[in-house]
Protein backbone atom coordinates (compact mmCIF):
# COMPACT_ATOMS: atom_id res chain seq x y z
CA MET A 1 50.90 -0.51 86.78
CA GLU A 2 49.09 2.82 86.96
CA LYS A 3 48.90 4.80 83.73
CA GLN A 4 47.30 7.93 82.30
CA LEU A 5 46.09 8.96 78.87
CA LYS A 6 44.62 12.10 77.37
CA PHE A 7 41.04 11.78 76.11
CA LYS A 8 38.98 14.77 74.99
CA ASN A 9 41.70 17.00 76.48
CA HIS A 10 41.27 15.43 79.91
CA THR A 11 43.35 12.98 81.92
CA VAL A 12 42.07 9.42 82.38
CA ASN A 13 43.69 7.29 85.05
CA TYR A 14 43.79 3.50 84.78
CA SER A 15 45.79 0.45 85.75
CA VAL A 16 47.04 -2.66 83.93
CA LEU A 17 48.09 -5.77 85.80
CA GLY A 18 49.09 -9.22 84.55
CA SER A 19 48.96 -10.76 81.09
CA GLY A 20 46.60 -12.91 79.07
CA PRO A 21 42.99 -12.35 77.97
CA ALA A 22 41.83 -8.85 78.88
CA LEU A 23 39.37 -8.41 81.74
CA VAL A 24 38.14 -4.87 82.36
CA LEU A 25 36.67 -4.06 85.79
CA LEU A 26 34.57 -0.91 86.13
CA HIS A 27 33.71 0.60 89.49
CA GLY A 28 30.35 1.94 90.58
CA PHE A 29 28.97 5.23 91.85
CA LEU A 30 31.08 6.94 94.57
CA GLU A 31 33.86 4.42 93.96
CA SER A 32 37.17 4.36 92.09
CA MET A 33 39.30 1.70 90.49
CA ALA A 34 40.81 1.13 93.96
CA ILE A 35 37.80 -1.03 94.90
CA TRP A 36 39.14 -3.68 92.52
CA ASP A 37 42.72 -3.86 93.87
CA ASP A 38 42.10 -7.18 95.63
CA PHE A 39 40.34 -8.77 92.65
CA ALA A 40 42.87 -7.39 90.16
CA ASN A 41 45.77 -8.92 92.05
CA ALA A 42 44.06 -12.32 92.19
CA LEU A 43 42.76 -12.34 88.60
CA SER A 44 46.03 -11.06 87.11
CA LYS A 45 47.42 -14.60 87.47
CA THR A 46 45.34 -15.63 84.45
CA ASN A 47 44.24 -12.34 82.84
CA LYS A 48 45.42 -8.91 81.85
CA VAL A 49 43.26 -6.95 84.30
CA ILE A 50 42.42 -3.35 83.49
CA THR A 51 40.78 -1.06 86.02
CA ILE A 52 39.74 2.49 85.19
CA ASP A 53 38.86 5.60 87.15
CA LEU A 54 35.71 6.66 85.33
CA PRO A 55 35.24 10.41 84.63
CA GLY A 56 34.90 12.41 87.83
CA PHE A 57 36.16 9.62 90.08
CA GLY A 58 39.57 8.67 91.45
CA LYS A 59 42.30 10.47 89.55
CA THR A 60 40.34 10.96 86.32
CA ASP A 61 39.25 14.50 85.45
CA ILE A 62 35.73 15.87 85.45
CA PHE A 63 34.68 16.29 81.81
CA SER A 64 31.38 18.15 82.11
CA GLU A 65 28.31 18.72 84.29
CA ASN A 66 26.73 15.52 82.95
CA HIS A 67 28.84 12.40 82.58
CA SER A 68 26.67 10.28 80.32
CA MET A 69 27.09 6.52 80.32
CA GLU A 70 28.13 6.85 76.66
CA LEU A 71 30.93 9.27 77.59
CA MET A 72 32.15 6.81 80.19
CA ALA A 73 31.90 3.96 77.65
CA ASP A 74 33.96 6.02 75.19
CA THR A 75 36.54 6.46 77.95
CA VAL A 76 36.78 2.67 78.29
CA GLU A 77 37.18 2.38 74.52
CA ALA A 78 40.00 4.95 74.62
CA VAL A 79 41.84 2.86 77.21
CA LEU A 80 41.44 -0.31 75.12
CA GLU A 81 42.78 1.54 72.07
CA SER A 82 45.73 2.85 74.07
CA GLU A 83 46.55 -0.67 75.26
CA ASN A 84 46.05 -2.24 71.79
CA ILE A 85 43.38 -4.58 73.12
CA THR A 86 41.01 -6.04 70.54
CA TYR A 87 38.70 -8.11 72.74
CA CYS A 88 37.84 -8.13 76.42
CA LEU A 89 35.51 -9.36 79.08
CA LEU A 90 33.81 -6.38 80.68
CA ALA A 91 32.55 -6.36 84.26
CA GLY A 92 30.79 -3.40 85.84
CA HIS A 93 29.62 -2.86 89.40
CA SER A 94 26.35 -0.93 89.75
CA MET A 95 26.91 2.29 87.73
CA GLY A 96 29.81 0.47 86.08
CA GLY A 97 27.22 -2.00 84.80
CA TYR A 98 25.31 0.86 83.18
CA VAL A 99 28.57 1.92 81.54
CA SER A 100 29.20 -1.67 80.44
CA LEU A 101 25.81 -1.81 78.73
CA ALA A 102 26.43 1.52 77.00
CA PHE A 103 29.77 0.10 75.86
CA ALA A 104 28.09 -3.08 74.60
CA ASN A 105 25.61 -0.96 72.65
CA LYS A 106 28.41 0.93 70.88
CA TYR A 107 31.29 -1.53 70.80
CA ALA A 108 29.77 -5.03 70.90
CA HIS A 109 32.50 -6.22 68.53
CA ARG A 110 35.00 -5.72 71.36
CA LEU A 111 33.28 -8.02 73.82
CA LYS A 112 33.73 -11.69 74.64
CA GLY A 113 31.38 -11.48 77.60
CA LEU A 114 29.57 -9.09 79.92
CA ILE A 115 29.29 -9.21 83.72
CA LEU A 116 26.62 -7.12 85.44
CA PHE A 117 27.73 -6.92 89.06
CA HIS A 118 24.71 -5.75 91.07
CA SER A 119 23.45 -3.87 88.03
CA HIS A 120 20.67 -4.04 85.44
CA ALA A 121 19.64 -2.83 82.00
CA ALA A 122 16.54 -0.71 82.67
CA ALA A 123 16.54 3.09 82.60
CA ASP A 124 15.33 5.21 85.50
CA ASP A 125 11.56 5.57 85.59
CA GLU A 126 10.02 8.99 86.23
CA GLN A 127 10.17 8.60 90.02
CA GLY A 128 13.76 7.44 89.70
CA LYS A 129 14.64 10.58 87.74
CA ILE A 130 12.99 12.74 90.40
CA ASN A 131 14.98 10.95 93.08
CA ARG A 132 18.22 11.57 91.16
CA ASP A 133 17.43 15.29 91.00
CA ARG A 134 16.69 15.37 94.71
CA THR A 135 19.98 13.62 95.40
CA ILE A 136 21.84 16.14 93.23
CA ASP A 137 20.38 18.93 95.39
CA ILE A 138 21.45 17.13 98.56
CA VAL A 139 24.99 16.58 97.25
CA LYS A 140 25.35 20.24 96.29
CA LYS A 141 24.48 21.22 99.87
CA ASN A 142 26.77 18.74 101.66
CA HIS A 143 28.26 15.90 99.67
CA LYS A 144 30.38 14.61 102.56
CA ASP A 145 27.38 13.97 104.78
CA PHE A 146 25.62 12.33 101.85
CA ILE A 147 28.55 9.95 101.29
CA ALA A 148 28.83 9.09 105.00
CA GLY A 149 25.19 8.06 105.11
CA PHE A 150 25.08 6.38 101.70
CA ILE A 151 27.88 3.81 101.92
CA PRO A 152 26.57 1.65 104.82
CA LEU A 153 23.20 1.31 103.06
CA LEU A 154 24.91 -0.57 100.22
CA PHE A 155 25.44 -3.55 102.52
CA ALA A 156 22.90 -6.08 103.73
CA GLU A 157 21.72 -4.95 107.16
CA GLN A 158 23.23 -7.98 108.89
CA ASN A 159 26.63 -7.24 107.30
CA ILE A 160 27.08 -3.60 108.34
CA GLU A 161 28.73 -4.37 111.67
CA LYS A 162 30.72 -7.28 110.21
CA PHE A 163 32.29 -5.07 107.54
CA THR A 164 32.72 -1.87 109.56
CA ARG A 165 36.38 -1.57 108.62
CA LYS A 166 35.67 -2.06 104.91
CA ILE A 167 32.84 0.46 105.04
CA GLU A 168 35.24 3.03 106.47
CA GLU A 169 37.72 2.25 103.67
CA LEU A 170 34.99 2.75 101.07
CA LYS A 171 33.95 6.02 102.70
CA SER A 172 37.56 7.18 102.48
CA ILE A 173 37.64 6.40 98.75
CA SER A 174 34.30 8.12 98.18
CA LEU A 175 35.21 11.25 100.11
CA LYS A 176 38.01 11.91 97.61
CA THR A 177 35.33 12.53 94.99
CA SER A 178 34.29 16.15 94.53
CA ALA A 179 30.65 17.23 94.67
CA GLU A 180 30.92 18.09 90.96
CA GLY A 181 32.07 14.56 90.12
CA VAL A 182 29.22 13.07 92.13
CA THR A 183 26.51 15.24 90.56
CA ALA A 184 27.85 14.66 87.03
CA ALA A 185 27.50 10.90 87.55
CA LEU A 186 24.02 11.28 89.02
CA ALA A 187 22.93 13.30 85.98
CA GLY A 188 24.40 10.68 83.65
CA MET A 189 22.59 7.84 85.42
CA ARG A 190 19.33 9.81 85.44
CA ASP A 191 19.49 10.30 81.67
CA ARG A 192 20.78 6.86 80.69
CA ASP A 193 19.08 4.80 77.95
CA ASP A 194 17.12 1.63 78.54
CA HIS A 195 19.14 -1.37 77.35
CA THR A 196 16.79 -4.25 78.12
CA ALA A 197 16.29 -4.86 74.38
CA LEU A 198 20.07 -4.97 73.97
CA LEU A 199 20.25 -7.93 76.34
CA LYS A 200 18.18 -9.93 73.83
CA GLN A 201 20.39 -8.94 70.90
CA LEU A 202 23.85 -9.59 72.28
CA ASN A 203 25.65 -12.65 70.94
CA ILE A 204 27.86 -12.96 73.99
CA PRO A 205 27.33 -14.59 77.39
CA VAL A 206 26.03 -12.34 80.14
CA LEU A 207 26.69 -13.05 83.81
CA PHE A 208 24.47 -11.49 86.47
CA ILE A 209 25.71 -11.27 90.05
CA VAL A 210 22.80 -10.52 92.36
CA GLY A 211 22.38 -9.95 96.10
CA LYS A 212 19.11 -11.12 97.63
CA GLN A 213 19.26 -8.30 100.17
CA ASP A 214 20.25 -5.58 97.71
CA SER A 215 18.24 -2.49 98.68
CA ARG A 216 19.60 -0.41 95.79
CA ILE A 217 18.64 -2.77 92.96
CA PRO A 218 16.13 -5.32 94.28
CA ILE A 219 16.40 -8.87 93.04
CA GLU A 220 12.82 -8.66 91.72
CA LYS A 221 14.00 -6.05 89.19
CA ILE A 222 16.88 -8.19 87.92
CA LEU A 223 15.33 -11.67 87.72
CA PRO A 224 13.22 -10.97 84.59
CA GLN A 225 16.31 -9.62 82.82
CA ILE A 226 18.24 -12.83 83.41
CA ALA A 227 15.83 -14.56 81.00
CA LEU A 228 16.57 -12.12 78.16
CA PRO A 229 20.09 -12.91 76.83
CA LYS A 230 20.72 -15.79 74.43
CA HIS A 231 23.14 -17.15 77.02
CA ALA A 232 22.83 -15.98 80.61
CA GLU A 233 24.41 -17.15 83.83
CA ALA A 234 23.59 -15.94 87.33
CA LEU A 235 25.15 -16.01 90.77
CA ILE A 236 22.42 -15.22 93.29
CA LEU A 237 23.77 -14.60 96.77
CA ASP A 238 21.90 -14.86 100.04
CA GLU A 239 22.73 -12.47 102.90
CA VAL A 240 24.38 -10.11 100.42
CA GLY A 241 23.39 -6.56 99.56
CA HIS A 242 24.88 -4.37 96.83
CA MET A 243 28.55 -5.10 97.56
CA GLY A 244 29.13 -8.74 96.70
CA PHE A 245 32.83 -8.24 96.02
CA VAL A 246 33.10 -7.48 99.77
CA GLU A 247 30.17 -9.36 101.30
CA ALA A 248 30.82 -12.57 99.34
CA ARG A 249 34.41 -12.15 98.20
CA LYS A 250 35.30 -15.81 97.65
CA GLN A 251 32.15 -16.69 95.72
CA THR A 252 32.22 -13.64 93.45
CA LEU A 253 35.96 -13.87 92.79
CA ARG A 254 35.72 -17.55 91.95
CA THR A 255 32.76 -16.92 89.63
CA LEU A 256 34.56 -14.11 87.80
CA ALA A 257 37.67 -16.22 87.38
CA HIS A 258 35.70 -19.19 86.05
CA PHE A 259 33.67 -17.03 83.68
CA GLY A 260 36.85 -15.41 82.36
CA ILE A 261 38.53 -18.72 81.59
CA LYS A 262 35.43 -20.33 80.08
CA TRP A 263 34.49 -17.63 77.59
CA PHE A 264 37.81 -16.45 76.25
């Protein structure tokens, strides 16, 4: 069921499906909550599944020129408050993982577990920040061309032809995002805090889902972080890039479902 709420005088769009322990699924950069429709339908048999259009994406308003990860985390908290949810499992894909970590830093008491879906806890280094600024300039000039070229690169090279139809669907979702929404997210990711120390402090299980062929967040960057939490689990997928929920649907769905049952 699709719903809206007012937060900071802006509209936030989200969906609630099923009943049971709450599982919140956060989309990544250039995505919307629509990417989780398949997973939400499957997981709603055992969980109350909440998906959210983060600020600037889907049907949620643009809040400012810089959508910090903390602002997005506060948006998630507003949805939980609106739905009278005390505890949840929180899963975030890519940028959604950055939001999940910002949420864990502010609202750890809400969490039963954390799932970093092709994501990690480190901040951008100086070169990363420069690259974000360059991308902002590119998006301002022609964000549609940027999106068309960006989406296929999220997949392992050997999967691009196999998932041509899905790539076109993802492009269609992304092209609904305004240039302003895209640049606000880029600025927020550029300025995000480093949360590697937080991984050591959390008293909840953390699940990492990693693609061996992920060109956006290489496996070498994530492996050292898997050793940090007090309890960590990992699903490491061969022949998978940055889009495991598409490239390895059965494995990732099964892992999410098992994790959700085990830790609630």
